Protein backbone atom coordinates (compact mmCIF):
# COMPACT_ATOMS: atom_id res chain seq x y z
CA UNK A 1 -111.93 -98.51 -60.69
CA UNK A 2 -109.38 -100.22 -62.39
CA UNK A 3 -106.12 -101.62 -61.03
CA UNK A 4 -103.99 -99.01 -63.42
CA UNK A 5 -106.55 -96.15 -63.51
CA UNK A 6 -105.32 -92.93 -61.83
CA UNK A 7 -108.29 -91.25 -59.67
CA UNK A 8 -108.65 -87.24 -60.64
CA UNK A 9 -110.77 -85.30 -58.82
CA UNK A 10 -111.74 -81.61 -60.30
CA UNK A 11 -113.07 -78.72 -58.12
CA UNK A 12 -114.83 -76.65 -60.59
CA UNK A 13 -114.91 -79.48 -63.29
CA UNK A 14 -118.76 -78.60 -64.80
CA UNK A 15 -116.71 -75.46 -66.12
CA UNK A 16 -115.59 -74.88 -69.54
CA UNK A 17 -112.11 -75.95 -68.92
CA UNK A 18 -113.36 -78.53 -66.41
CA UNK A 19 -115.53 -80.25 -68.79
CA UNK A 20 -112.59 -80.56 -71.21
CA UNK A 21 -110.33 -81.66 -68.66
CA UNK A 22 -112.48 -84.09 -67.66
CA UNK A 23 -112.96 -85.68 -71.25
CA UNK A 24 -109.70 -85.80 -71.37
CA UNK A 25 -109.07 -87.38 -69.00
CA UNK A 26 -111.68 -90.02 -69.32
CA UNK A 27 -110.37 -90.63 -72.73
CA UNK A 28 -106.93 -91.59 -71.26
CA UNK A 29 -108.38 -94.11 -69.09
CA UNK A 30 -108.40 -92.31 -65.31
CA UNK A 31 -110.98 -92.71 -62.84
CA UNK A 32 -113.00 -89.08 -62.56
CA UNK A 33 -114.76 -87.33 -59.67
CA UNK A 34 -116.32 -83.76 -60.39
CA UNK A 35 -117.02 -81.80 -57.52
CA UNK A 36 -119.05 -78.06 -58.19
CA UNK A 37 -122.18 -76.08 -57.63
CA UNK A 38 -125.69 -77.95 -57.75
CA UNK A 39 -126.44 -75.89 -60.39
CA UNK A 40 -123.78 -76.32 -62.46
CA UNK A 41 -123.98 -80.05 -62.03
CA UNK A 42 -127.32 -79.83 -63.57
CA UNK A 43 -126.83 -77.76 -66.39
CA UNK A 44 -124.17 -79.82 -67.36
CA UNK A 45 -124.55 -83.52 -66.62
CA UNK A 46 -120.93 -85.19 -67.26
CA UNK A 47 -120.69 -88.62 -67.78
CA UNK A 48 -118.54 -89.41 -64.55
CA UNK A 49 -119.44 -89.15 -60.50
CA UNK A 50 -120.43 -86.08 -59.03
CA UNK A 51 -120.60 -84.69 -56.22
CA UNK A 52 -122.61 -81.19 -55.36
CA UNK A 53 -120.15 -78.60 -53.48
CA UNK A 54 -120.11 -75.24 -52.40
CA UNK A 55 -116.87 -73.70 -51.79
CA UNK A 56 -118.13 -70.40 -49.78
CA UNK A 57 -119.41 -73.53 -47.17
CA UNK A 58 -116.77 -74.98 -45.26
CA UNK A 59 -119.66 -77.39 -44.24
CA UNK A 60 -120.20 -78.51 -47.80
CA UNK A 61 -116.53 -78.97 -48.66
CA UNK A 62 -115.68 -80.59 -45.72
CA UNK A 63 -119.03 -83.13 -46.51
CA UNK A 64 -117.78 -83.22 -49.90
CA UNK A 65 -114.14 -84.42 -48.88
CA UNK A 66 -115.99 -87.27 -46.72
CA UNK A 67 -117.79 -88.71 -49.85
CA UNK A 68 -114.89 -88.65 -52.08
CA UNK A 69 -113.26 -90.76 -49.62
CA UNK A 70 -115.79 -93.18 -49.37
CA UNK A 71 -115.93 -93.49 -53.28
CA UNK A 72 -112.13 -94.07 -53.69
CA UNK A 73 -109.26 -95.42 -51.20
CA UNK A 74 -107.32 -92.89 -52.87
CA UNK A 75 -106.81 -89.95 -54.38
CA UNK A 76 -104.25 -89.76 -57.02
CA UNK A 77 -104.71 -86.32 -58.95
CA UNK A 78 -106.81 -83.17 -57.61
CA UNK A 79 -107.62 -80.30 -59.86
CA UNK A 80 -108.80 -76.61 -57.89
CA UNK A 81 -110.58 -75.06 -61.27
CA UNK A 82 -113.01 -73.10 -58.84
CA UNK A 83 -112.93 -69.35 -59.36
CA UNK A 84 -114.94 -66.44 -60.35
CA UNK A 85 -115.37 -62.83 -60.92
CA UNK A 86 -118.08 -60.87 -62.19
CA UNK A 87 -117.81 -57.22 -62.35
CA UNK A 88 -114.83 -55.00 -62.74
CA UNK A 89 -114.25 -52.51 -60.53
CA UNK A 90 -111.27 -50.00 -59.71
CA UNK A 91 -110.07 -51.19 -56.29
CA UNK A 92 -110.91 -48.10 -54.32
CA UNK A 93 -114.66 -47.65 -55.86
CA UNK A 94 -115.44 -51.57 -54.88
CA UNK A 95 -117.86 -52.38 -52.34
CA UNK A 96 -116.71 -54.46 -49.32
CA UNK A 97 -118.64 -56.85 -49.73
CA UNK A 98 -117.71 -57.83 -53.51
CA UNK A 99 -114.38 -57.62 -52.15
CA UNK A 100 -114.91 -60.45 -49.26
CA UNK A 101 -116.95 -62.69 -51.74
CA UNK A 102 -114.16 -62.36 -54.58
CA UNK A 103 -111.56 -63.46 -51.99
CA UNK A 104 -114.39 -66.25 -50.14
CA UNK A 105 -114.74 -67.45 -53.58
CA UNK A 106 -110.91 -67.68 -54.95
CA UNK A 107 -108.80 -67.47 -52.04
CA UNK A 108 -110.37 -68.66 -48.84
CA UNK A 109 -111.99 -71.36 -51.28
CA UNK A 110 -108.54 -72.90 -52.33
CA UNK A 111 -107.92 -72.99 -48.63
CA UNK A 112 -110.73 -74.91 -47.39
CA UNK A 113 -110.26 -77.06 -50.39
CA UNK A 114 -106.88 -77.60 -49.85
CA UNK A 115 -107.95 -78.48 -46.04
CA UNK A 116 -110.22 -81.27 -47.09
CA UNK A 117 -108.80 -82.62 -49.96
CA UNK A 118 -105.01 -82.62 -50.20
CA UNK A 119 -104.83 -85.37 -47.06
CA UNK A 120 -106.73 -87.67 -49.47
CA UNK A 121 -103.87 -87.64 -51.89
CA UNK A 122 -102.06 -91.00 -51.96
CA UNK A 123 -100.64 -93.50 -54.31
CA UNK A 124 -97.06 -93.72 -55.84
CA UNK A 125 -96.93 -89.60 -57.52
CA UNK A 126 -99.76 -88.05 -55.99
CA UNK A 127 -100.08 -84.13 -57.94
CA UNK A 128 -102.28 -81.24 -56.60
CA UNK A 129 -102.96 -78.65 -59.46
CA UNK A 130 -104.33 -75.29 -58.29
CA UNK A 131 -105.35 -72.55 -61.07
CA UNK A 132 -104.38 -69.03 -60.16
CA UNK A 133 -104.67 -66.64 -63.16
CA UNK A 134 -102.21 -64.35 -65.17
CA UNK A 135 -103.72 -61.28 -63.52
CA UNK A 136 -101.79 -62.74 -60.20
CA UNK A 137 -98.99 -60.90 -61.25
CA UNK A 138 -99.85 -58.91 -64.78
CA UNK A 139 -102.15 -56.83 -62.95
CA UNK A 140 -105.01 -54.62 -64.98
CA UNK A 141 -107.21 -51.84 -63.92
CA UNK A 142 -110.35 -53.06 -62.63
CA UNK A 143 -109.66 -56.75 -61.26
CA UNK A 144 -107.82 -55.74 -57.95
CA UNK A 145 -110.14 -58.00 -55.89
CA UNK A 146 -109.75 -61.33 -58.21
CA UNK A 147 -105.60 -60.24 -58.63
CA UNK A 148 -105.49 -60.10 -55.17
CA UNK A 149 -107.05 -63.44 -54.39
CA UNK A 150 -104.91 -65.23 -57.34
CA UNK A 151 -101.86 -64.17 -56.17
CA UNK A 152 -102.92 -65.35 -53.01
CA UNK A 153 -103.50 -68.77 -54.48
CA UNK A 154 -99.76 -68.63 -55.60
CA UNK A 155 -98.21 -68.06 -52.35
CA UNK A 156 -100.42 -70.78 -51.34
CA UNK A 157 -99.25 -73.09 -53.85
CA UNK A 158 -95.88 -72.28 -53.29
CA UNK A 159 -96.14 -72.74 -49.24
CA UNK A 160 -97.91 -76.32 -49.57
CA UNK A 161 -95.19 -77.53 -52.28
CA UNK A 162 -92.45 -76.74 -48.94
CA UNK A 163 -95.08 -78.64 -46.48
CA UNK A 164 -95.98 -81.83 -48.16
CA UNK A 165 -92.81 -82.26 -50.11
CA UNK A 166 -92.09 -85.22 -50.78
CA UNK A 167 -95.40 -86.98 -50.54
CA UNK A 168 -97.72 -84.58 -52.58
CA UNK A 169 -96.35 -82.51 -55.43
CA UNK A 170 -98.46 -78.87 -55.64
CA UNK A 171 -98.33 -76.50 -58.88
CA UNK A 172 -100.42 -74.13 -60.06
CA UNK A 173 -101.37 -73.42 -64.15
CA UNK A 174 -101.96 -69.11 -64.55
CA UNK A 175 -104.25 -68.75 -67.53
CA UNK A 176 -104.86 -65.30 -69.64
CA UNK A 177 -108.62 -64.73 -70.60
CA UNK A 178 -110.26 -68.03 -71.59
CA UNK A 179 -113.27 -68.41 -73.93
CA UNK A 180 -115.35 -70.03 -71.51
CA UNK A 181 -118.39 -68.60 -68.87
CA UNK A 182 -115.82 -67.25 -66.79
CA UNK A 183 -115.97 -63.99 -69.19
CA UNK A 184 -119.57 -63.56 -68.09
CA UNK A 185 -119.39 -63.92 -64.04
CA UNK A 186 -118.71 -68.23 -63.69
CA UNK A 187 -120.40 -71.36 -64.54
CA UNK A 188 -123.08 -71.49 -62.43
CA UNK A 189 -123.09 -68.04 -61.31
CA UNK A 190 -123.97 -66.02 -64.68
CA UNK A 191 -125.88 -66.57 -67.97
CA UNK A 192 -123.53 -68.57 -70.02
CA UNK A 193 -124.64 -66.51 -72.88
CA UNK A 194 -124.77 -63.23 -71.83
CA UNK A 195 -121.95 -60.67 -73.27
CA UNK A 196 -118.57 -61.19 -71.93
CA UNK A 197 -117.54 -58.66 -68.68
CA UNK A 198 -113.87 -57.57 -70.35
CA UNK A 199 -113.23 -55.50 -73.87
CA UNK A 200 -111.60 -58.52 -75.24
CA UNK A 201 -110.76 -56.63 -78.61
CA UNK A 202 -107.70 -54.52 -76.85
CA UNK A 203 -106.38 -57.88 -75.06
CA UNK A 204 -106.11 -59.51 -78.12
CA UNK A 205 -104.17 -56.67 -80.00
CA UNK A 206 -101.62 -57.26 -77.10
CA UNK A 207 -101.28 -61.10 -77.26
CA UNK A 208 -98.26 -62.33 -79.72
CA UNK A 209 -100.35 -65.44 -80.92
CA UNK A 210 -103.31 -63.34 -81.96
CA UNK A 211 -106.31 -65.35 -79.88
CA UNK A 212 -108.05 -66.04 -77.22
CA UNK A 213 -107.70 -68.73 -75.29
CA UNK A 214 -109.34 -71.90 -75.42
CA UNK A 215 -109.87 -74.68 -72.90
CA UNK A 216 -107.98 -76.99 -74.14
CA UNK A 217 -104.91 -74.61 -74.17
CA UNK A 218 -105.20 -75.00 -70.55
CA UNK A 219 -105.80 -78.56 -69.93
CA UNK A 220 -102.44 -79.34 -71.52
CA UNK A 221 -100.59 -78.05 -68.94
CA UNK A 222 -102.68 -79.65 -66.29
CA UNK A 223 -102.62 -82.74 -67.52
CA UNK A 224 -98.74 -81.92 -67.62
CA UNK A 225 -98.68 -81.46 -64.03
CA UNK A 226 -100.84 -84.29 -63.38
CA UNK A 227 -98.42 -86.65 -64.74
CA UNK A 228 -95.29 -88.31 -64.50
CA UNK A 229 -93.82 -86.18 -67.21
CA UNK A 230 -93.71 -83.32 -64.12
CA UNK A 231 -92.60 -85.53 -61.66
CA UNK A 232 -89.77 -83.26 -60.68
CA UNK A 233 -91.71 -80.13 -60.19
CA UNK A 234 -93.34 -78.86 -57.33
CA UNK A 235 -94.12 -75.45 -56.65
CA UNK A 236 -94.24 -74.09 -60.23
CA UNK A 237 -96.62 -71.64 -61.94
CA UNK A 238 -97.10 -72.39 -65.70
CA UNK A 239 -98.04 -69.26 -67.36
CA UNK A 240 -100.35 -69.85 -70.29
CA UNK A 241 -101.15 -66.24 -71.92
CA UNK A 242 -100.16 -66.52 -76.01
CA UNK A 243 -96.74 -64.88 -75.09
CA UNK A 244 -98.67 -61.82 -73.49
CA UNK A 245 -96.93 -61.72 -70.23
CA UNK A 246 -93.48 -63.19 -69.93
CA UNK A 247 -92.31 -63.30 -66.05
C-alpha cells in the first residue's frame, strides 16, 4: 500500500459490476480488496487481494472483517455490491423459504456487513456505499421479495448516514437492470451463461435511453460517491435507470 493510495474493499467484487469497479479503482492507483463467495473468487480470478466470504453466515462475515483489518490499518472506502434474486414469483405465491433467502442475502447480509465492516472505516474522508435497486421504489410484479429487501437497504443507508455522521458518509446507488450475471440468478449462484430470468424487450421499450445498463454505467456513480466530489453528500440515493424512473 502506498502512502497516497486509498484502501477500498468491495463486497461482491467478483460480479460483473464489481470486476469493472476493481479495474477502475486499480487504474486510478487505489488499493483494492475483493470479498466474495469462494466459488465466485475461483471463477473470476482478480489481480488484487481477495477474501472469501459467505454473506449468509455471520461467522464468515466476522472472520472476513478480521482478516481485512489485519491486511490494512484503515479502510477508506467500502462498497456493498452483494445481492441476488433467482426467480420471479407473485408475492402471494412466494414460498416462505424463498422469501427468507432473498431477505437474508440482500437485507440481512447488508446488516451483517455494516456491523462488521463499517467500524473499520477511517482516514480523511471515509465513504460507505450500498447498492440497492430501482425496484426498491419502482416496484414491479414478481419482484416482491427482492423489492422489499432493497427498500430496506435504502432505509438502512439513511439511518446509518445519520448515526455515523460526520465520521463516515453513507450513500447508495439504485440501478435498474444491468447486463450482468445478476439477470441469470447471480454470480456464484447460477450458470452465468444461462438465459436471463426477465423479459428484457418490454423493459427496454420503457427506457428513454433505449438500452440496458452496462456495468460501467453503475461504476461511475459509485466512484463519485467514494470520492471527494461527493464530500457533502450522505444519506442519498442515486437512481441509475436510463430515465425509466424519475423519483
